[in-house]
Amino acid sequence: MSHPLIGRLEGPATQPCFVCGLFSNGHRIDADGQRVDGREYLALKIDLAGGEEAVAPSRILTQAEAPDGTQVTQVRDPITGEATSITLARPVVCSDCVEAMAREFGLRRTVEADVETEQAIRRAEAAEGVVAERDQEIAELREGARVAGALTRLFDAERSEKPTTRRSSRASS
């Protein structure tokens, strides 16, 4: 869901960033890790200069928004009949400044958050593997203890039988 006062510029920015004053330069890496030339810009649908005088809707002939964020409204003066254009250049903000503002609010870029999430998932999967190995070792130790107990009982039974057998063989001699 997009914000009603913020719009992504579809074309190149025709004015500098309102915050840093720079036009597009260099390149950046997008969320998919691909190189993107230049900066991306958002148009703020606000009028920082206080705006033109209010235009009655009945006077508006046409109203269009250019790809660079400027809004052009053509109005007709009801008294003279003259048509005039009012151009409102909306401020634009570059993606670098938006990211800097987000960091000031404690927000992270989506890419950074995705990387951290993937690392946490890998750590959790590794921990699950260790737990499964430990569970297997515990099961093997229990099985070994069971076998050792059975062997101990057999050994004790055999030991208790041998002295009896020896005594009986000594007694018969």
Protein backbone atom coordinates (compact mmCIF):
# COMPACT_ATOMS: atom_id res chain seq x y z
CA MET A 1 0.00 0.00 0.00
CA SER A 2 1.51 3.30 -1.04
CA HIS A 3 1.30 6.55 0.84
CA PRO A 4 -1.04 9.15 -0.72
CA LEU A 5 1.57 11.92 -0.45
CA ILE A 6 4.53 9.95 -1.83
CA GLY A 7 4.95 8.74 -5.39
CA ARG A 8 7.84 7.04 -7.18
CA LEU A 9 9.19 8.96 -10.15
CA GLU A 10 8.92 6.93 -13.32
CA GLY A 11 11.25 9.08 -15.40
CA PRO A 12 14.54 10.77 -14.62
CA ALA A 13 14.54 13.47 -11.98
CA THR A 14 14.53 16.94 -13.53
CA GLN A 15 15.35 18.61 -10.23
CA PRO A 16 17.83 17.83 -7.47
CA CYS A 17 17.01 15.99 -4.27
CA PHE A 18 15.28 18.30 -1.79
CA VAL A 19 17.43 16.98 1.09
CA CYS A 20 20.97 16.60 -0.32
CA GLY A 21 20.70 18.73 -3.48
CA LEU A 22 22.29 16.09 -5.73
CA PHE A 23 21.11 14.85 -9.09
CA SER A 24 21.46 11.22 -10.07
CA ASN A 25 25.05 9.99 -10.03
CA GLY A 26 26.94 6.73 -9.76
CA HIS A 27 25.05 3.49 -9.26
CA ARG A 28 23.40 1.52 -6.51
CA ILE A 29 22.57 -2.13 -5.85
CA ASP A 30 18.90 -3.11 -5.67
CA ALA A 31 17.27 -5.75 -3.46
CA ASP A 32 18.10 -8.51 -5.96
CA GLY A 33 21.79 -7.58 -5.91
CA GLN A 34 21.65 -6.07 -9.40
CA ARG A 35 23.47 -2.87 -10.35
CA VAL A 36 21.12 0.04 -10.95
CA ASP A 37 22.53 3.19 -12.51
CA GLY A 38 21.71 6.41 -10.75
CA ARG A 39 19.51 7.07 -7.77
CA GLU A 40 15.83 6.46 -7.48
CA TYR A 41 13.61 9.39 -6.57
CA LEU A 42 10.34 9.82 -4.74
CA ALA A 43 8.11 12.83 -5.33
CA LEU A 44 6.54 14.37 -2.25
CA LYS A 45 3.05 15.51 -3.12
CA ILE A 46 3.25 18.62 -1.00
CA ASP A 47 3.76 22.28 -1.79
CA LEU A 48 6.59 23.75 0.26
CA ALA A 49 6.06 27.29 -1.02
CA GLY A 50 2.55 27.58 0.37
CA GLY A 51 0.95 27.00 -3.02
CA GLU A 52 -0.85 29.13 -5.51
CA GLU A 53 -4.17 30.65 -4.66
CA ALA A 54 -6.95 28.11 -4.27
CA VAL A 55 -8.49 27.06 -7.53
CA ALA A 56 -12.20 26.39 -7.62
CA PRO A 57 -12.87 22.99 -9.22
CA SER A 58 -15.25 24.62 -11.71
CA ARG A 59 -12.32 26.67 -13.08
CA ILE A 60 -10.02 23.67 -13.71
CA LEU A 61 -9.78 22.69 -17.38
CA THR A 62 -7.14 19.99 -17.09
CA GLN A 63 -4.86 18.66 -14.41
CA ALA A 64 -1.94 16.35 -15.10
CA GLU A 65 1.08 15.08 -13.25
CA ALA A 66 4.31 14.73 -15.19
CA PRO A 67 6.63 11.74 -14.66
CA ASP A 68 9.12 14.00 -12.85
CA GLY A 69 6.59 14.86 -10.13
CA THR A 70 5.50 18.29 -11.35
CA GLN A 71 1.80 18.97 -11.48
CA VAL A 72 0.39 21.15 -14.23
CA THR A 73 -3.12 22.54 -13.84
CA GLN A 74 -4.80 24.54 -16.57
CA VAL A 75 -7.51 26.89 -15.31
CA ARG A 76 -9.86 29.34 -16.99
CA ASP A 77 -10.50 32.77 -15.53
CA PRO A 78 -14.31 33.06 -15.41
CA ILE A 79 -14.27 36.82 -15.97
CA THR A 80 -11.79 37.18 -18.84
CA GLY A 81 -12.06 33.66 -20.23
CA GLU A 82 -8.28 33.36 -20.38
CA ALA A 83 -6.73 29.98 -19.77
CA THR A 84 -3.57 29.91 -17.69
CA SER A 85 -1.34 27.11 -16.50
CA ILE A 86 -0.18 26.69 -12.94
CA THR A 87 2.89 24.51 -12.60
CA LEU A 88 3.67 23.07 -9.20
CA ALA A 89 7.10 21.48 -8.93
CA ARG A 90 6.92 18.88 -6.21
CA PRO A 91 10.02 18.30 -4.10
CA VAL A 92 11.80 15.01 -4.78
CA VAL A 93 13.91 12.94 -2.39
CA CYS A 94 16.59 10.50 -3.53
CA SER A 95 16.78 6.91 -2.34
CA ASP A 96 20.06 7.56 -0.49
CA CYS A 97 18.41 10.24 1.65
CA VAL A 98 15.35 8.04 2.27
CA GLU A 99 17.67 5.25 3.48
CA ALA A 100 19.55 7.72 5.71
CA MET A 101 16.25 8.91 7.20
CA ALA A 102 15.15 5.31 7.78
CA ARG A 103 18.42 4.59 9.62
CA GLU A 104 17.78 7.63 11.83
CA PHE A 105 14.45 6.05 12.77
CA GLY A 106 16.22 2.77 13.50
CA LEU A 107 14.88 1.00 10.42
CA ARG A 108 17.09 -1.20 8.27
CA ARG A 109 17.16 -1.74 4.56
CA THR A 110 15.18 -4.73 3.38
CA VAL A 111 18.32 -6.38 2.01
CA GLU A 112 20.08 -6.14 5.39
CA ALA A 113 17.04 -7.50 7.20
CA ASP A 114 16.76 -10.38 4.69
CA VAL A 115 20.43 -11.28 5.16
CA GLU A 116 20.04 -11.27 8.94
CA THR A 117 16.91 -13.42 8.66
CA GLU A 118 18.69 -15.93 6.40
CA GLN A 119 21.63 -16.11 8.81
CA ALA A 120 19.26 -16.67 11.75
CA ILE A 121 17.49 -19.43 9.80
CA ARG A 122 20.84 -21.11 9.02
CA ARG A 123 21.86 -20.90 12.70
CA ALA A 124 18.50 -22.36 13.76
CA GLU A 125 18.82 -25.20 11.22
CA ALA A 126 22.36 -25.91 12.45
CA ALA A 127 21.11 -25.95 16.05
CA GLU A 128 18.31 -28.34 15.07
CA GLY A 129 20.94 -30.59 13.48
CA VAL A 130 23.01 -30.57 16.67
CA VAL A 131 19.91 -31.37 18.74
CA ALA A 132 19.07 -34.26 16.40
CA GLU A 133 22.63 -35.59 16.71
CA ARG A 134 22.47 -35.32 20.51
CA ASP A 135 19.10 -37.09 20.57
CA GLN A 136 20.61 -39.89 18.46
CA GLU A 137 23.61 -40.13 20.79
CA ILE A 138 21.31 -40.27 23.84
CA ALA A 139 19.26 -43.06 22.21
CA GLU A 140 22.46 -44.98 21.43
CA LEU A 141 23.72 -44.50 25.00
CA ARG A 142 20.42 -45.77 26.40
CA GLU A 143 20.57 -48.78 24.10
CA GLY A 144 24.18 -49.39 25.17
CA ALA A 145 23.20 -49.11 28.85
CA ARG A 146 20.37 -51.59 28.27
CA VAL A 147 22.74 -54.04 26.55
CA ALA A 148 25.38 -53.50 29.26
CA GLY A 149 22.77 -54.19 31.94
CA ALA A 150 21.69 -57.39 30.21
CA LEU A 151 25.32 -58.51 29.85
CA THR A 152 26.00 -57.70 33.50
CA ARG A 153 23.04 -59.81 34.58
CA LEU A 154 24.23 -62.69 32.38
CA PHE A 155 27.77 -62.36 33.70
CA ASP A 156 26.51 -62.27 37.30
CA ALA A 157 24.30 -65.29 36.66
CA GLU A 158 27.18 -67.18 35.07
CA ARG A 159 29.53 -66.25 37.91
CA SER A 160 27.02 -67.38 40.50
CA GLU A 161 26.63 -70.71 38.63
CA LYS A 162 30.38 -71.42 38.23
CA PRO A 163 31.27 -71.67 41.94
CA THR A 164 28.34 -74.04 42.43
CA THR A 165 29.51 -76.18 39.55
CA ARG A 166 33.09 -76.20 40.88
CA ARG A 167 31.94 -77.17 44.35
CA SER A 168 29.89 -79.99 42.99
CA SER A 169 32.79 -81.25 40.91
CA ARG A 170 35.11 -81.02 43.97
CA ALA A 171 32.57 -82.80 46.07
CA SER A 172 32.37 -85.69 43.62
CA SER A 173 36.15 -86.16 43.61
